[in-house]
Amino acid sequence: MENLDLKCAEYGKRIADLKGIEEKSLTNALSVLEEQGLYACFLYLKAREGNLGEQISQQCAELLQSTLSGSDSSGDGALSRASRLAETLDDLLFARDLVRQTLVYARYHIKAKAGAKT
């Protein structure tokens, strides 16, 4: 059995290690995720966060691809995966929870780095 919380923490660490990442970007993405859903979160990252948002989305999409069987690698990356996941409510809600946990862990990693520098 796979420990999904640990997997989210690992992907969160990858996101936190991206060059130029800021806590505010992740907070905004989490807000969109909570208020509007998974597809809107990926769209927000693509539209507002530019290349960095694409990298965040890619990490989340890789997590979903490796975790959910219905999430294949064809199509337009994270947006395409979110659209396919919306076909099954259970998968969509599960994916949303995984992405939320991953972004939360990424924020924690960023805060830990900032605390270590002071």
PDB file of N, CA and C in Angstrom:
ATOM      1  N   MET A   1       0.839  -1.168   0.000  1.00  0.00           N
ATOM      2  CA  MET A   1       0.000   0.000   0.000  1.00  0.00           C
ATOM      3  C   MET A   1       0.895   1.247   0.000  1.00  0.00           C
ATOM      4  N   GLU A   2       0.519   2.233  -0.803  1.00  0.00           N
ATOM      5  CA  GLU A   2       1.304   3.449  -0.966  1.00  0.00           C
ATOM      6  C   GLU A   2       0.844   4.531   0.025  1.00  0.00           C
ATOM      7  N   ASN A   3       1.790   5.216   0.623  1.00  0.00           N
ATOM      8  CA  ASN A   3       1.492   6.309   1.541  1.00  0.00           C
ATOM      9  C   ASN A   3       1.330   7.589   0.723  1.00  0.00           C
ATOM     10  N   LEU A   4       0.077   7.978   0.479  1.00  0.00           N
ATOM     11  CA  LEU A   4      -0.190   9.127  -0.381  1.00  0.00           C
ATOM     12  C   LEU A   4       0.169  10.445   0.294  1.00  0.00           C
ATOM     13  N   ASP A   5       0.086  10.509   1.611  1.00  0.00           N
ATOM     14  CA  ASP A   5       0.473  11.728   2.302  1.00  0.00           C
ATOM     15  C   ASP A   5       1.964  11.991   2.102  1.00  0.00           C
ATOM     16  N   LEU A   6       2.754  10.957   2.198  1.00  0.00           N
ATOM     17  CA  LEU A   6       4.199  11.084   1.967  1.00  0.00           C
ATOM     18  C   LEU A   6       4.475  11.478   0.517  1.00  0.00           C
ATOM     19  N   LYS A   7       3.720  10.913  -0.399  1.00  0.00           N
ATOM     20  CA  LYS A   7       3.885  11.243  -1.810  1.00  0.00           C
ATOM     21  C   LYS A   7       3.558  12.723  -2.056  1.00  0.00           C
ATOM     22  N   CYS A   8       2.502  13.222  -1.422  1.00  0.00           N
ATOM     23  CA  CYS A   8       2.158  14.646  -1.532  1.00  0.00           C
ATOM     24  C   CYS A   8       3.275  15.510  -0.952  1.00  0.00           C
ATOM     25  N   ALA A   9       3.856  15.068   0.143  1.00  0.00           N
ATOM     26  CA  ALA A   9       4.963  15.809   0.758  1.00  0.00           C
ATOM     27  C   ALA A   9       6.171  15.851  -0.182  1.00  0.00           C
ATOM     28  N   GLU A  10       6.448  14.754  -0.862  1.00  0.00           N
ATOM     29  CA  GLU A  10       7.579  14.708  -1.790  1.00  0.00           C
ATOM     30  C   GLU A  10       7.366  15.663  -2.961  1.00  0.00           C
ATOM     31  N   TYR A  11       6.162  15.643  -3.527  1.00  0.00           N
ATOM     32  CA  TYR A  11       5.872  16.549  -4.635  1.00  0.00           C
ATOM     33  C   TYR A  11       5.811  17.994  -4.143  1.00  0.00           C
ATOM     34  N   GLY A  12       5.352  18.211  -2.937  1.00  0.00           N
ATOM     35  CA  GLY A  12       5.361  19.550  -2.350  1.00  0.00           C
ATOM     36  C   GLY A  12       6.772  20.078  -2.219  1.00  0.00           C
ATOM     37  N   LYS A  13       7.688  19.217  -1.843  1.00  0.00           N
ATOM     38  CA  LYS A  13       9.104  19.599  -1.731  1.00  0.00           C
ATOM     39  C   LYS A  13       9.662  19.962  -3.100  1.00  0.00           C
ATOM     40  N   ARG A  14       9.293  19.199  -4.112  1.00  0.00           N
ATOM     41  CA  ARG A  14       9.741  19.511  -5.474  1.00  0.00           C
ATOM     42  C   ARG A  14       9.259  20.902  -5.891  1.00  0.00           C
ATOM     43  N   ILE A  15       8.004  21.196  -5.579  1.00  0.00           N
ATOM     44  CA  ILE A  15       7.455  22.503  -5.924  1.00  0.00           C
ATOM     45  C   ILE A  15       8.187  23.604  -5.158  1.00  0.00           C
ATOM     46  N   ALA A  16       8.418  23.393  -3.877  1.00  0.00           N
ATOM     47  CA  ALA A  16       9.109  24.394  -3.056  1.00  0.00           C
ATOM     48  C   ALA A  16      10.535  24.638  -3.535  1.00  0.00           C
ATOM     49  N   ASP A  17      11.128  23.657  -4.194  1.00  0.00           N
ATOM     50  CA  ASP A  17      12.495  23.793  -4.687  1.00  0.00           C
ATOM     51  C   ASP A  17      12.583  24.486  -6.044  1.00  0.00           C
ATOM     52  N   LEU A  18      11.426  24.809  -6.651  1.00  0.00           N
ATOM     53  CA  LEU A  18      11.445  25.505  -7.931  1.00  0.00           C
ATOM     54  C   LEU A  18      12.055  26.893  -7.755  1.00  0.00           C
ATOM     55  N   LYS A  19      12.849  27.289  -8.710  1.00  0.00           N
ATOM     56  CA  LYS A  19      13.511  28.593  -8.635  1.00  0.00           C
ATOM     57  C   LYS A  19      12.471  29.706  -8.780  1.00  0.00           C
ATOM     58  N   GLY A  20      12.468  30.635  -7.831  1.00  0.00           N
ATOM     59  CA  GLY A  20      11.578  31.789  -7.886  1.00  0.00           C
ATOM     60  C   GLY A  20      10.208  31.587  -7.258  1.00  0.00           C
ATOM     61  N   ILE A  21       9.981  30.435  -6.670  1.00  0.00           N
ATOM     62  CA  ILE A  21       8.671  30.156  -6.062  1.00  0.00           C
ATOM     63  C   ILE A  21       8.478  31.029  -4.824  1.00  0.00           C
ATOM     64  N   GLU A  22       7.251  31.519  -4.657  1.00  0.00           N
ATOM     65  CA  GLU A  22       6.907  32.321  -3.491  1.00  0.00           C
ATOM     66  C   GLU A  22       5.679  31.725  -2.827  1.00  0.00           C
ATOM     67  N   GLU A  23       5.614  31.928  -1.529  1.00  0.00           N
ATOM     68  CA  GLU A  23       4.477  31.419  -0.766  1.00  0.00           C
ATOM     69  C   GLU A  23       3.161  32.011  -1.274  1.00  0.00           C
ATOM     70  N   LYS A  24       3.197  33.275  -1.669  1.00  0.00           N
ATOM     71  CA  LYS A  24       1.977  33.948  -2.135  1.00  0.00           C
ATOM     72  C   LYS A  24       1.373  33.241  -3.357  1.00  0.00           C
ATOM     73  N   SER A  25       2.206  32.783  -4.255  1.00  0.00           N
ATOM     74  CA  SER A  25       1.723  32.078  -5.447  1.00  0.00           C
ATOM     75  C   SER A  25       0.952  30.819  -5.057  1.00  0.00           C
ATOM     76  N   LEU A  26       1.485  30.097  -4.089  1.00  0.00           N
ATOM     77  CA  LEU A  26       0.828  28.869  -3.639  1.00  0.00           C
ATOM     78  C   LEU A  26      -0.450  29.178  -2.867  1.00  0.00           C
ATOM     79  N   THR A  27      -0.425  30.242  -2.072  1.00  0.00           N
ATOM     80  CA  THR A  27      -1.620  30.641  -1.328  1.00  0.00           C
ATOM     81  C   THR A  27      -2.736  31.008  -2.297  1.00  0.00           C
ATOM     82  N   ASN A  28      -2.398  31.755  -3.338  1.00  0.00           N
ATOM     83  CA  ASN A  28      -3.402  32.126  -4.334  1.00  0.00           C
ATOM     84  C   ASN A  28      -3.943  30.902  -5.067  1.00  0.00           C
ATOM     85  N   ALA A  29      -3.064  29.981  -5.418  1.00  0.00           N
ATOM     86  CA  ALA A  29      -3.497  28.757  -6.102  1.00  0.00           C
ATOM     87  C   ALA A  29      -4.411  27.929  -5.195  1.00  0.00           C
ATOM     88  N   LEU A  30      -4.073  27.855  -3.920  1.00  0.00           N
ATOM     89  CA  LEU A  30      -4.925  27.133  -2.966  1.00  0.00           C
ATOM     90  C   LEU A  30      -6.296  27.792  -2.837  1.00  0.00           C
ATOM     91  N   SER A  31      -6.328  29.100  -2.850  1.00  0.00           N
ATOM     92  CA  SER A  31      -7.604  29.815  -2.765  1.00  0.00           C
ATOM     93  C   SER A  31      -8.487  29.504  -3.965  1.00  0.00           C
ATOM     94  N   VAL A  32      -7.894  29.537  -5.139  1.00  0.00           N
ATOM     95  CA  VAL A  32      -8.656  29.210  -6.351  1.00  0.00           C
ATOM     96  C   VAL A  32      -9.116  27.759  -6.303  1.00  0.00           C
ATOM     97  N   LEU A  33      -8.262  26.868  -5.867  1.00  0.00           N
ATOM     98  CA  LEU A  33      -8.619  25.453  -5.762  1.00  0.00           C
ATOM     99  C   LEU A  33      -9.825  25.262  -4.841  1.00  0.00           C
ATOM    100  N   GLU A  34      -9.804  25.912  -3.699  1.00  0.00           N
ATOM    101  CA  GLU A  34     -10.896  25.774  -2.724  1.00  0.00           C
ATOM    102  C   GLU A  34     -12.200  26.379  -3.229  1.00  0.00           C
ATOM    103  N   GLU A  35     -12.102  27.549  -3.852  1.00  0.00           N
ATOM    104  CA  GLU A  35     -13.304  28.272  -4.265  1.00  0.00           C
ATOM    105  C   GLU A  35     -13.875  27.802  -5.593  1.00  0.00           C
ATOM    106  N   GLN A  36     -12.987  27.467  -6.534  1.00  0.00           N
ATOM    107  CA  GLN A  36     -13.446  27.206  -7.901  1.00  0.00           C
ATOM    108  C   GLN A  36     -13.189  25.787  -8.406  1.00  0.00           C
ATOM    109  N   GLY A  37     -12.272  25.068  -7.791  1.00  0.00           N
ATOM    110  CA  GLY A  37     -12.044  23.694  -8.201  1.00  0.00           C
ATOM    111  C   GLY A  37     -10.705  23.460  -8.875  1.00  0.00           C
ATOM    112  N   LEU A  38     -10.485  22.207  -9.223  1.00  0.00           N
ATOM    113  CA  LEU A  38      -9.202  21.747  -9.752  1.00  0.00           C
ATOM    114  C   LEU A  38      -8.876  22.358 -11.111  1.00  0.00           C
ATOM    115  N   TYR A  39      -9.821  22.329 -12.025  1.00  0.00           N
ATOM    116  CA  TYR A  39      -9.569  22.869 -13.358  1.00  0.00           C
ATOM    117  C   TYR A  39      -9.242  24.357 -13.274  1.00  0.00           C
ATOM    118  N   ALA A  40      -9.992  25.093 -12.474  1.00  0.00           N
ATOM    119  CA  ALA A  40      -9.751  26.531 -12.317  1.00  0.00           C
ATOM    120  C   ALA A  40      -8.378  26.797 -11.714  1.00  0.00           C
ATOM    121  N   CYS A  41      -7.954  25.959 -10.801  1.00  0.00           N
ATOM    122  CA  CYS A  41      -6.632  26.112 -10.193  1.00  0.00           C
ATOM    123  C   CYS A  41      -5.540  25.974 -11.244  1.00  0.00           C
ATOM    124  N   PHE A  42      -5.622  24.948 -12.070  1.00  0.00           N
ATOM    125  CA  PHE A  42      -4.622  24.760 -13.122  1.00  0.00           C
ATOM    126  C   PHE A  42      -4.680  25.901 -14.135  1.00  0.00           C
ATOM    127  N   LEU A  43      -5.869  26.365 -14.453  1.00  0.00           N
ATOM    128  CA  LEU A  43      -6.024  27.477 -15.383  1.00  0.00           C
ATOM    129  C   LEU A  43      -5.443  28.762 -14.785  1.00  0.00           C
ATOM    130  N   TYR A  44      -5.696  28.990 -13.507  1.00  0.00           N
ATOM    131  CA  TYR A  44      -5.125  30.142 -12.815  1.00  0.00           C
ATOM    132  C   TYR A  44      -3.593  30.102 -12.869  1.00  0.00           C
ATOM    133  N   LEU A  45      -3.036  28.962 -12.539  1.00  0.00           N
ATOM    134  CA  LEU A  45      -1.574  28.838 -12.558  1.00  0.00           C
ATOM    135  C   LEU A  45      -1.012  29.132 -13.941  1.00  0.00           C
ATOM    136  N   LYS A  46      -1.691  28.663 -14.955  1.00  0.00           N
ATOM    137  CA  LYS A  46      -1.222  28.885 -16.324  1.00  0.00           C
ATOM    138  C   LYS A  46      -1.347  30.353 -16.717  1.00  0.00           C
ATOM    139  N   ALA A  47      -2.451  30.976 -16.345  1.00  0.00           N
ATOM    140  CA  ALA A  47      -2.715  32.353 -16.767  1.00  0.00           C
ATOM    141  C   ALA A  47      -1.966  33.398 -15.941  1.00  0.00           C
ATOM    142  N   ARG A  48      -1.884  33.192 -14.637  1.00  0.00           N
ATOM    143  CA  ARG A  48      -1.366  34.237 -13.755  1.00  0.00           C
ATOM    144  C   ARG A  48       0.070  34.038 -13.292  1.00  0.00           C
ATOM    145  N   GLU A  49       0.512  32.829 -13.261  1.00  0.00           N
ATOM    146  CA  GLU A  49       1.849  32.574 -12.713  1.00  0.00           C
ATOM    147  C   GLU A  49       2.879  32.249 -13.786  1.00  0.00           C
ATOM    148  N   GLY A  50       2.475  32.247 -15.030  1.00  0.00           N
ATOM    149  CA  GLY A  50       3.408  32.074 -16.138  1.00  0.00           C
ATOM    150  C   GLY A  50       4.165  30.752 -16.104  1.00  0.00           C
ATOM    151  N   ASN A  51       5.455  30.827 -16.399  1.00  0.00           N
ATOM    152  CA  ASN A  51       6.294  29.633 -16.463  1.00  0.00           C
ATOM    153  C   ASN A  51       6.342  28.899 -15.127  1.00  0.00           C
ATOM    154  N   LEU A  52       6.397  29.647 -14.048  1.00  0.00           N
ATOM    155  CA  LEU A  52       6.423  29.035 -12.722  1.00  0.00           C
ATOM    156  C   LEU A  52       5.121  28.268 -12.466  1.00  0.00           C
ATOM    157  N   GLY A  53       4.006  28.850 -12.878  1.00  0.00           N
ATOM    158  CA  GLY A  53       2.716  28.180 -12.743  1.00  0.00           C
ATOM    159  C   GLY A  53       2.651  26.896 -13.545  1.00  0.00           C
ATOM    160  N   GLU A  54       3.256  26.935 -14.738  1.00  0.00           N
ATOM    161  CA  GLU A  54       3.322  25.728 -15.569  1.00  0.00           C
ATOM    162  C   GLU A  54       4.116  24.629 -14.862  1.00  0.00           C
ATOM    163  N   GLN A  55       5.192  25.008 -14.209  1.00  0.00           N
ATOM    164  CA  GLN A  55       6.012  24.033 -13.496  1.00  0.00           C
ATOM    165  C   GLN A  55       5.259  23.457 -12.291  1.00  0.00           C
ATOM    166  N   ILE A  56       4.523  24.310 -11.582  1.00  0.00           N
ATOM    167  CA  ILE A  56       3.721  23.836 -10.453  1.00  0.00           C
ATOM    168  C   ILE A  56       2.661  22.867 -10.950  1.00  0.00           C
ATOM    169  N   SER A  57       1.965  23.269 -12.007  1.00  0.00           N
ATOM    170  CA  SER A  57       0.933  22.409 -12.596  1.00  0.00           C
ATOM    171  C   SER A  57       1.501  21.080 -13.054  1.00  0.00           C
ATOM    172  N   GLN A  58       2.688  21.118 -13.650  1.00  0.00           N
ATOM    173  CA  GLN A  58       3.315  19.893 -14.126  1.00  0.00           C
ATOM    174  C   GLN A  58       3.610  18.935 -12.983  1.00  0.00           C
ATOM    175  N   GLN A  59       4.109  19.465 -11.871  1.00  0.00           N
ATOM    176  CA  GLN A  59       4.377  18.612 -10.704  1.00  0.00           C
ATOM    177  C   GLN A  59       3.080  17.995 -10.185  1.00  0.00           C
ATOM    178  N   CYS A  60       2.022  18.801 -10.109  1.00  0.00           N
ATOM    179  CA  CYS A  60       0.728  18.281  -9.643  1.00  0.00           C
ATOM    180  C   CYS A  60       0.179  17.240 -10.619  1.00  0.00           C
ATOM    181  N   ALA A  61       0.338  17.506 -11.919  1.00  0.00           N
ATOM    182  CA  ALA A  61      -0.139  16.560 -12.926  1.00  0.00           C
ATOM    183  C   ALA A  61       0.629  15.245 -12.846  1.00  0.00           C
ATOM    184  N   GLU A  62       1.930  15.315 -12.593  1.00  0.00           N
ATOM    185  CA  GLU A  62       2.713  14.089 -12.434  1.00  0.00           C
ATOM    186  C   GLU A  62       2.235  13.294 -11.225  1.00  0.00           C
ATOM    187  N   LEU A  63       1.930  13.989 -10.154  1.00  0.00           N
ATOM    188  CA  LEU A  63       1.387  13.320  -8.962  1.00  0.00           C
ATOM    189  C   LEU A  63       0.089  12.600  -9.305  1.00  0.00           C
ATOM    190  N   LEU A  64      -0.805  13.295  -9.987  1.00  0.00           N
ATOM    191  CA  LEU A  64      -2.091  12.686 -10.339  1.00  0.00           C
ATOM    192  C   LEU A  64      -1.904  11.521 -11.297  1.00  0.00           C
ATOM    193  N   GLN A  65      -1.005  11.678 -12.260  1.00  0.00           N
ATOM    194  CA  GLN A  65      -0.764  10.598 -13.217  1.00  0.00           C
ATOM    195  C   GLN A  65      -0.233   9.350 -12.521  1.00  0.00           C
ATOM    196  N   SER A  66       0.652   9.539 -11.556  1.00  0.00           N
ATOM    197  CA  SER A  66       1.240   8.386 -10.890  1.00  0.00           C
ATOM    198  C   SER A  66       0.309   7.777  -9.836  1.00  0.00           C
ATOM    199  N   THR A  67      -0.725   8.511  -9.458  1.00  0.00           N
ATOM    200  CA  THR A  67      -1.616   8.044  -8.393  1.00  0.00           C
ATOM    201  C   THR A  67      -2.934   7.496  -8.914  1.00  0.00           C
ATOM    202  N   LEU A  68      -3.516   8.201  -9.877  1.00  0.00           N
ATOM    203  CA  LEU A  68      -4.840   7.829 -10.374  1.00  0.00           C
ATOM    204  C   LEU A  68      -4.732   7.082 -11.687  1.00  0.00           C
ATOM    205  N   SER A  69      -5.406   5.956 -11.775  1.00  0.00           N
ATOM    206  CA  SER A  69      -5.308   5.115 -12.969  1.00  0.00           C
ATOM    207  C   SER A  69      -5.955   5.757 -14.188  1.00  0.00           C
ATOM    208  N   GLY A  70      -6.976   6.575 -14.005  1.00  0.00           N
ATOM    209  CA  GLY A  70      -7.666   7.187 -15.135  1.00  0.00           C
ATOM    210  C   GLY A  70      -6.982   8.424 -15.658  1.00  0.00           C
ATOM    211  N   SER A  71      -5.847   8.761 -15.125  1.00  0.00           N
ATOM    212  CA  SER A  71      -5.151   9.981 -15.510  1.00  0.00           C
ATOM    213  C   SER A  71      -3.954   9.638 -16.374  1.00  0.00           C
ATOM    214  N   ASP A  72      -4.183   9.545 -17.694  1.00  0.00           N
ATOM    215  CA  ASP A  72      -3.081   9.187 -18.580  1.00  0.00           C
ATOM    216  C   ASP A  72      -2.282  10.426 -18.971  1.00  0.00           C
ATOM    217  N   SER A  73      -1.251  10.232 -19.736  1.00  0.00           N
ATOM    218  CA  SER A  73      -0.331  11.321 -20.047  1.00  0.00           C
ATOM    219  C   SER A  73      -0.629  12.001 -21.374  1.00  0.00           C
ATOM    220  N   SER A  74      -1.733  11.675 -22.033  1.00  0.00           N
ATOM    221  CA  SER A  74      -2.030  12.300 -23.314  1.00  0.00           C
ATOM    222  C   SER A  74      -2.713  13.648 -23.101  1.00  0.00           C
ATOM    223  N   GLY A  75      -2.707  14.477 -24.138  1.00  0.00           N
ATOM    224  CA  GLY A  75      -3.449  15.723 -24.072  1.00  0.00           C
ATOM    225  C   GLY A  75      -2.617  16.906 -23.616  1.00  0.00           C
ATOM    226  N   ASP A  76      -3.328  17.905 -23.097  1.00  0.00           N
ATOM    227  CA  ASP A  76      -2.723  19.202 -22.762  1.00  0.00           C
ATOM    228  C   ASP A  76      -2.340  19.286 -21.299  1.00  0.00           C
ATOM    229  N   GLY A  77      -1.571  18.361 -20.809  1.00  0.00           N
ATOM    230  CA  GLY A  77      -1.040  18.437 -19.458  1.00  0.00           C
ATOM    231  C   GLY A  77      -2.097  18.476 -18.374  1.00  0.00           C
ATOM    232  N   ALA A  78      -1.884  19.367 -17.412  1.00  0.00           N
ATOM    233  CA  ALA A  78      -2.716  19.424 -16.218  1.00  0.00           C
ATOM    234  C   ALA A  78      -4.170  19.757 -16.538  1.00  0.00           C
ATOM    235  N   LEU A  79      -4.402  20.676 -17.464  1.00  0.00           N
ATOM    236  CA  LEU A  79      -5.775  21.051 -17.806  1.00  0.00           C
ATOM    237  C   LEU A  79      -6.545  19.872 -18.404  1.00  0.00           C
ATOM    238  N   SER A  80      -5.887  19.139 -19.268  1.00  0.00           N
ATOM    239  CA  SER A  80      -6.512  17.973 -19.880  1.00  0.00           C
ATOM    240  C   SER A  80      -6.824  16.899 -18.836  1.00  0.00           C
ATOM    241  N   ARG A  81      -5.899  16.687 -17.912  1.00  0.00           N
ATOM    242  CA  ARG A  81      -6.118  15.694 -16.855  1.00  0.00           C
ATOM    243  C   ARG A  81      -7.281  16.101 -15.964  1.00  0.00           C
ATOM    244  N   ALA A  82      -7.351  17.380 -15.621  1.00  0.00           N
ATOM    245  CA  ALA A  82      -8.448  17.861 -14.779  1.00  0.00           C
ATOM    246  C   ALA A  82      -9.781  17.665 -15.474  1.00  0.00           C
ATOM    247  N   SER A  83      -9.827  17.889 -16.773  1.00  0.00           N
ATOM    248  CA  SER A  83     -11.065  17.688 -17.530  1.00  0.00           C
ATOM    249  C   SER A  83     -11.492  16.222 -17.515  1.00  0.00           C
ATOM    250  N   ARG A  84     -10.538  15.322 -17.714  1.00  0.00           N
ATOM    251  CA  ARG A  84     -10.862  13.900 -17.709  1.00  0.00           C
ATOM    252  C   ARG A  84     -11.288  13.430 -16.320  1.00  0.00           C
ATOM    253  N   LEU A  85     -10.638  13.967 -15.289  1.00  0.00           N
ATOM    254  CA  LEU A  85     -11.002  13.583 -13.925  1.00  0.00           C
ATOM    255  C   LEU A  85     -12.413  14.021 -13.564  1.00  0.00           C
ATOM    256  N   ALA A  86     -12.891  15.087 -14.188  1.00  0.00           N
ATOM    257  CA  ALA A  86     -14.225  15.607 -13.893  1.00  0.00           C
ATOM    258  C   ALA A  86     -15.330  14.645 -14.337  1.00  0.00           C
ATOM    259  N   GLU A  87     -14.982  13.653 -15.124  1.00  0.00           N
ATOM    260  CA  GLU A  87     -15.974  12.686 -15.575  1.00  0.00           C
ATOM    261  C   GLU A  87     -16.462  11.797 -14.434  1.00  0.00           C
ATOM    262  N   THR A  88     -15.656  11.621 -13.412  1.00  0.00           N
ATOM    263  CA  THR A  88     -16.025  10.809 -12.253  1.00  0.00           C
ATOM    264  C   THR A  88     -15.840  11.661 -11.004  1.00  0.00           C
ATOM    265  N   LEU A  89     -16.934  11.906 -10.298  1.00  0.00           N
ATOM    266  CA  LEU A  89     -16.897  12.798  -9.144  1.00  0.00           C
ATOM    267  C   LEU A  89     -15.919  12.325  -8.076  1.00  0.00           C
ATOM    268  N   ASP A  90     -15.899  11.037  -7.795  1.00  0.00           N
ATOM    269  CA  ASP A  90     -14.976  10.515  -6.779  1.00  0.00           C
ATOM    270  C   ASP A  90     -13.520  10.790  -7.150  1.00  0.00           C
ATOM    271  N   ASP A  91     -13.171  10.563  -8.415  1.00  0.00           N
ATOM    272  CA  ASP A  91     -11.799  10.822  -8.867  1.00  0.00           C
ATOM    273  C   ASP A  91     -11.476  12.309  -8.789  1.00  0.00           C
ATOM    274  N   LEU A  92     -12.423  13.142  -9.178  1.00  0.00           N
ATOM    275  CA  LEU A  92     -12.201  14.586  -9.149  1.00  0.00           C
ATOM    276  C   LEU A  92     -11.967  15.082  -7.727  1.00  0.00           C
ATOM    277  N   LEU A  93     -12.793  14.635  -6.790  1.00  0.00           N
ATOM    278  CA  LEU A  93     -12.643  15.066  -5.403  1.00  0.00           C
ATOM    279  C   LEU A  93     -11.351  14.531  -4.783  1.00  0.00           C
ATOM    280  N   PHE A  94     -11.005  13.307  -5.136  1.00  0.00           N
ATOM    281  CA  PHE A  94      -9.759  12.723  -4.648  1.00  0.00           C
ATOM    282  C   PHE A  94      -8.558  13.491  -5.197  1.00  0.00           C
ATOM    283  N   ALA A  95      -8.596  13.808  -6.485  1.00  0.00           N
ATOM    284  CA  ALA A  95      -7.512  14.570  -7.108  1.00  0.00           C
ATOM    285  C   ALA A  95      -7.396  15.951  -6.476  1.00  0.00           C
ATOM    286  N   ARG A  96      -8.531  16.599  -6.219  1.00  0.00           N
ATOM    287  CA  ARG A  96      -8.511  17.910  -5.578  1.00  0.00           C
ATOM    288  C   ARG A  96      -7.838  17.829  -4.209  1.00  0.00           C
ATOM    289  N   ASP A  97      -8.174  16.797  -3.454  1.00  0.00           N
ATOM    290  CA  ASP A  97      -7.570  16.626  -2.132  1.00  0.00           C
ATOM    291  C   ASP A  97      -6.062  16.388  -2.222  1.00  0.00           C
ATOM    292  N   LEU A  98      -5.633  15.610  -3.210  1.00  0.00           N
ATOM    293  CA  LEU A  98      -4.202  15.360  -3.390  1.00  0.00           C
ATOM    294  C   LEU A  98      -3.457  16.641  -3.754  1.00  0.00           C
ATOM    295  N   VAL A  99      -4.028  17.415  -4.668  1.00  0.00           N
ATOM    296  CA  VAL A  99      -3.382  18.662  -5.080  1.00  0.00           C
ATOM    297  C   VAL A  99      -3.369  19.649  -3.920  1.00  0.00           C
ATOM    298  N   ARG A 100      -4.468  19.722  -3.180  1.00  0.00           N
ATOM    299  CA  ARG A 100      -4.510  20.624  -2.024  1.00  0.00           C
ATOM    300  C   ARG A 100      -3.407  20.277  -1.030  1.00  0.00           C
ATOM    301  N   GLN A 101      -3.293  18.997  -0.697  1.00  0.00           N
ATOM    302  CA  GLN A 101      -2.285  18.576   0.269  1.00  0.00           C
ATOM    303  C   GLN A 101      -0.873  18.850  -0.245  1.00  0.00           C
ATOM    304  N   THR A 102      -0.661  18.655  -1.526  1.00  0.00           N
ATOM    305  CA  THR A 102       0.649  18.907  -2.127  1.00  0.00           C
ATOM    306  C   THR A 102       1.017  20.389  -2.043  1.00  0.00           C
ATOM    307  N   LEU A 103       0.068  21.260  -2.365  1.00  0.00           N
ATOM    308  CA  LEU A 103       0.331  22.699  -2.300  1.00  0.00           C
ATOM    309  C   LEU A 103       0.542  23.165  -0.860  1.00  0.00           C
ATOM    310  N   VAL A 104      -0.184  22.569   0.069  1.00  0.00           N
ATOM    311  CA  VAL A 104       0.008  22.908   1.487  1.00  0.00           C
ATOM    312  C   VAL A 104       1.413  22.513   1.931  1.00  0.00           C
ATOM    313  N   TYR A 105       1.837  21.317   1.566  1.00  0.00           N
ATOM    314  CA  TYR A 105       3.193  20.886   1.912  1.00  0.00           C
ATOM    315  C   TYR A 105       4.239  21.791   1.260  1.00  0.00           C
ATOM    316  N   ALA A 106       3.986  22.227   0.038  1.00  0.00           N
ATOM    317  CA  ALA A 106       4.921  23.128  -0.627  1.00  0.00           C
ATOM    318  C   ALA A 106       5.045  24.438   0.160  1.00  0.00           C
ATOM    319  N   ARG A 107       3.925  24.954   0.631  1.00  0.00           N
ATOM    320  CA  ARG A 107       3.964  26.173   1.457  1.00  0.00           C
ATOM    321  C   ARG A 107       4.770  25.940   2.733  1.00  0.00           C
ATOM    322  N   TYR A 108       4.560  24.798   3.382  1.00  0.00           N
ATOM    323  CA  TYR A 108       5.311  24.490   4.601  1.00  0.00           C
ATOM    324  C   TYR A 108       6.806  24.411   4.332  1.00  0.00           C
ATOM    325  N   HIS A 109       7.175  23.807   3.214  1.00  0.00           N
ATOM    326  CA  HIS A 109       8.599  23.705   2.859  1.00  0.00           C
ATOM    327  C   HIS A 109       9.193  25.090   2.636  1.00  0.00           C
ATOM    328  N   ILE A 110       8.453  25.966   1.978  1.00  0.00           N
ATOM    329  CA  ILE A 110       8.933  27.333   1.749  1.00  0.00           C
ATOM    330  C   ILE A 110       9.099  28.065   3.077  1.00  0.00           C
ATOM    331  N   LYS A 111       8.137  27.902   3.973  1.00  0.00           N
ATOM    332  CA  LYS A 111       8.235  28.552   5.288  1.00  0.00           C
ATOM    333  C   LYS A 111       9.429  28.000   6.069  1.00  0.00           C
ATOM    334  N   ALA A 112       9.651  26.717   5.969  1.00  0.00           N
ATOM    335  CA  ALA A 112      10.782  26.108   6.678  1.00  0.00           C
ATOM    336  C   ALA A 112      12.113  26.640   6.141  1.00  0.00           C
ATOM    337  N   LYS A 113      12.202  26.823   4.820  1.00  0.00           N
ATOM    338  CA  LYS A 113      13.410  27.386   4.228  1.00  0.00           C
ATOM    339  C   LYS A 113      13.639  28.810   4.711  1.00  0.00           C
ATOM    340  N   ALA A 114      12.566  29.599   4.755  1.00  0.00           N
ATOM    341  CA  ALA A 114      12.677  30.989   5.202  1.00  0.00           C
ATOM    342  C   ALA A 114      13.101  31.047   6.673  1.00  0.00           C
ATOM    343  N   GLY A 115      12.584  30.148   7.472  1.00  0.00           N
ATOM    344  CA  GLY A 115      12.949  30.100   8.894  1.00  0.00           C
ATOM    345  C   GLY A 115      14.383  29.673   9.106  1.00  0.00           C
ATOM    346  N   ALA A 116      14.898  28.830   8.224  1.00  0.00           N
ATOM    347  CA  ALA A 116      16.273  28.358   8.349  1.00  0.00           C
ATOM    348  C   ALA A 116      17.278  29.436   7.960  1.00  0.00           C
ATOM    349  N   LYS A 117      16.860  30.372   7.120  1.00  0.00           N
ATOM    350  CA  LYS A 117      17.762  31.443   6.664  1.00  0.00           C
ATOM    351  C   LYS A 117      17.936  32.526   7.707  1.00  0.00           C
ATOM    352  N   THR A 118      16.939  32.686   8.599  1.00  0.00           N
ATOM    353  CA  THR A 118      17.039  33.770   9.586  1.00  0.00           C
ATOM    354  C   THR A 118      17.813  33.354  10.809  1.00  0.00           C
TER     355      THR A 118
END
